[in-house]
Amino acid sequence: MKTLLLIAHGSRRAASNDEVRQLTQRLNGINPPGFSGVETAFLELAQPSIPEGLAACLARGASEIVVFPYFLAAGTHVAHDIPEAIQAFQTAHPQIKVSLTRHLGDSDLLPQAILQVASAA
């Protein structure tokens, strides 16, 4: 089974973290094709942490985890911190396939999404 792990930065503002959790619930509500479910994790300032999010994917029965960095730019967190957390998990769980997608800001779909949101305003 393949599970999607959405990783956001995390915020001191609880409502911001809840927004990410609600996005995860919305994704689960549409039963994303090819995924048994979606979990959330935060890099810092909120829970669950990345290791806890990866563990939640395991508890869900995942044999494969796709990690999606919900970040607009490829700063240190995207370039180093998230890959390092994934590597630590892979070392402890070599039987689980983990892949890292491009970050949100690098998506070819983002310009169109921005235009759609702006046009609806």
Protein backbone atom coordinates (compact mmCIF):
# COMPACT_ATOMS: atom_id res chain seq x y z
CA MET A 1 0.00 0.00 0.00
CA LYS A 2 1.17 3.48 -0.86
CA THR A 3 0.58 6.39 1.54
CA LEU A 4 1.10 10.10 0.93
CA LEU A 5 2.84 12.13 3.65
CA LEU A 6 2.26 15.87 3.39
CA ILE A 7 5.04 17.75 5.20
CA ALA A 8 4.59 21.41 6.09
CA HIS A 9 6.87 23.73 8.02
CA GLY A 10 4.72 24.18 11.12
CA SER A 11 3.73 27.42 12.80
CA ARG A 12 3.37 28.95 16.24
CA ARG A 13 -0.11 29.91 15.03
CA ALA A 14 -2.37 26.92 15.69
CA ALA A 15 -4.84 27.93 12.98
CA SER A 16 -2.09 27.64 10.35
CA ASN A 17 -1.26 24.11 11.45
CA ASP A 18 -4.96 23.24 11.50
CA GLU A 19 -5.21 24.46 7.91
CA VAL A 20 -2.64 21.88 6.85
CA ARG A 21 -4.46 19.16 8.83
CA GLN A 22 -7.72 20.17 7.12
CA LEU A 23 -6.04 19.89 3.72
CA THR A 24 -5.01 16.36 4.65
CA GLN A 25 -8.60 15.57 5.63
CA ARG A 26 -9.83 16.98 2.31
CA LEU A 27 -7.32 14.84 0.43
CA ASN A 28 -8.41 11.76 2.35
CA GLY A 29 -12.03 12.67 1.61
CA ILE A 30 -11.47 12.43 -2.13
CA ASN A 31 -9.72 9.06 -1.84
CA PRO A 32 -6.67 10.07 -3.87
CA PRO A 33 -6.07 7.56 -6.68
CA GLY A 34 -3.10 5.31 -6.06
CA PHE A 35 -2.90 6.09 -2.33
CA SER A 36 -4.36 4.24 0.62
CA GLY A 37 -4.47 7.52 2.51
CA VAL A 38 -2.77 10.76 3.42
CA GLU A 39 -0.96 11.72 6.64
CA THR A 40 0.39 15.07 7.86
CA ALA A 41 3.73 15.95 9.44
CA PHE A 42 5.48 19.16 10.39
CA LEU A 43 9.14 20.04 10.23
CA GLU A 44 9.00 22.06 13.45
CA LEU A 45 6.72 24.01 15.80
CA ALA A 46 3.81 21.56 15.47
CA GLN A 47 2.92 17.92 15.80
CA PRO A 48 3.17 15.34 14.45
CA SER A 49 6.86 15.57 13.64
CA ILE A 50 8.28 14.05 10.46
CA PRO A 51 9.32 10.83 12.26
CA GLU A 52 5.84 10.62 13.80
CA GLY A 53 4.23 11.18 10.39
CA LEU A 54 6.34 8.45 8.84
CA ALA A 55 5.40 6.15 11.74
CA ALA A 56 1.71 6.94 11.13
CA CYS A 57 2.17 5.83 7.51
CA LEU A 58 3.67 2.57 8.77
CA ALA A 59 0.78 2.10 11.20
CA ARG A 60 -1.57 2.57 8.24
CA GLY A 61 0.15 -0.42 6.64
CA ALA A 62 2.20 1.44 4.06
CA SER A 63 4.82 -0.47 2.14
CA GLU A 64 5.56 2.68 0.16
CA ILE A 65 5.50 6.31 1.30
CA VAL A 66 5.43 9.30 -1.03
CA VAL A 67 6.62 12.44 0.77
CA PHE A 68 5.25 15.74 -0.52
CA PRO A 69 7.02 18.89 0.78
CA TYR A 70 4.25 21.48 1.12
CA PHE A 71 6.72 24.36 0.68
CA LEU A 72 6.82 27.15 -1.88
CA ALA A 73 10.60 27.44 -2.14
CA ALA A 74 13.53 25.04 -1.99
CA GLY A 75 15.24 26.42 1.08
CA THR A 76 17.32 24.47 3.57
CA HIS A 77 14.32 22.57 4.88
CA VAL A 78 13.43 21.20 1.43
CA ALA A 79 17.01 20.72 0.26
CA HIS A 80 18.48 19.19 3.42
CA ASP A 81 16.25 18.75 6.48
CA ILE A 82 13.46 16.71 4.90
CA PRO A 83 15.82 14.43 2.92
CA GLU A 84 17.86 13.84 6.11
CA ALA A 85 14.72 12.85 8.04
CA ILE A 86 13.74 10.49 5.24
CA GLN A 87 17.24 8.96 5.17
CA ALA A 88 17.11 8.31 8.93
CA PHE A 89 13.73 6.61 8.49
CA GLN A 90 15.02 4.56 5.53
CA THR A 91 17.98 3.37 7.57
CA ALA A 92 15.63 2.13 10.30
CA HIS A 93 13.07 0.70 7.83
CA PRO A 94 14.90 -0.46 4.70
CA GLN A 95 11.91 -2.59 3.63
CA ILE A 96 9.77 0.55 3.10
CA LYS A 97 10.14 2.42 -0.17
CA VAL A 98 10.16 6.19 0.41
CA SER A 99 10.16 8.70 -2.42
CA LEU A 100 10.34 12.47 -2.23
CA THR A 101 8.35 14.57 -4.69
CA ARG A 102 9.22 18.03 -5.90
CA HIS A 103 8.11 20.77 -3.49
CA LEU A 104 4.86 22.61 -4.16
CA GLY A 105 6.55 25.73 -5.50
CA ASP A 106 8.33 23.65 -8.16
CA SER A 107 5.09 22.20 -9.53
CA ASP A 108 4.20 22.94 -13.14
CA LEU A 109 0.56 23.11 -11.98
CA LEU A 110 1.11 25.98 -9.52
CA PRO A 111 0.95 28.91 -12.00
CA GLN A 112 -2.46 27.76 -13.24
CA ALA A 113 -3.71 27.24 -9.68
CA ILE A 114 -2.62 30.79 -8.76
CA LEU A 115 -4.44 32.21 -11.77
CA GLN A 116 -7.61 30.25 -10.93
CA VAL A 117 -7.61 31.48 -7.34
CA ALA A 118 -6.89 35.06 -8.41
CA SER A 119 -9.63 34.97 -11.07
CA ALA A 120 -12.17 33.75 -8.50
CA ALA A 121 -11.45 36.72 -6.19
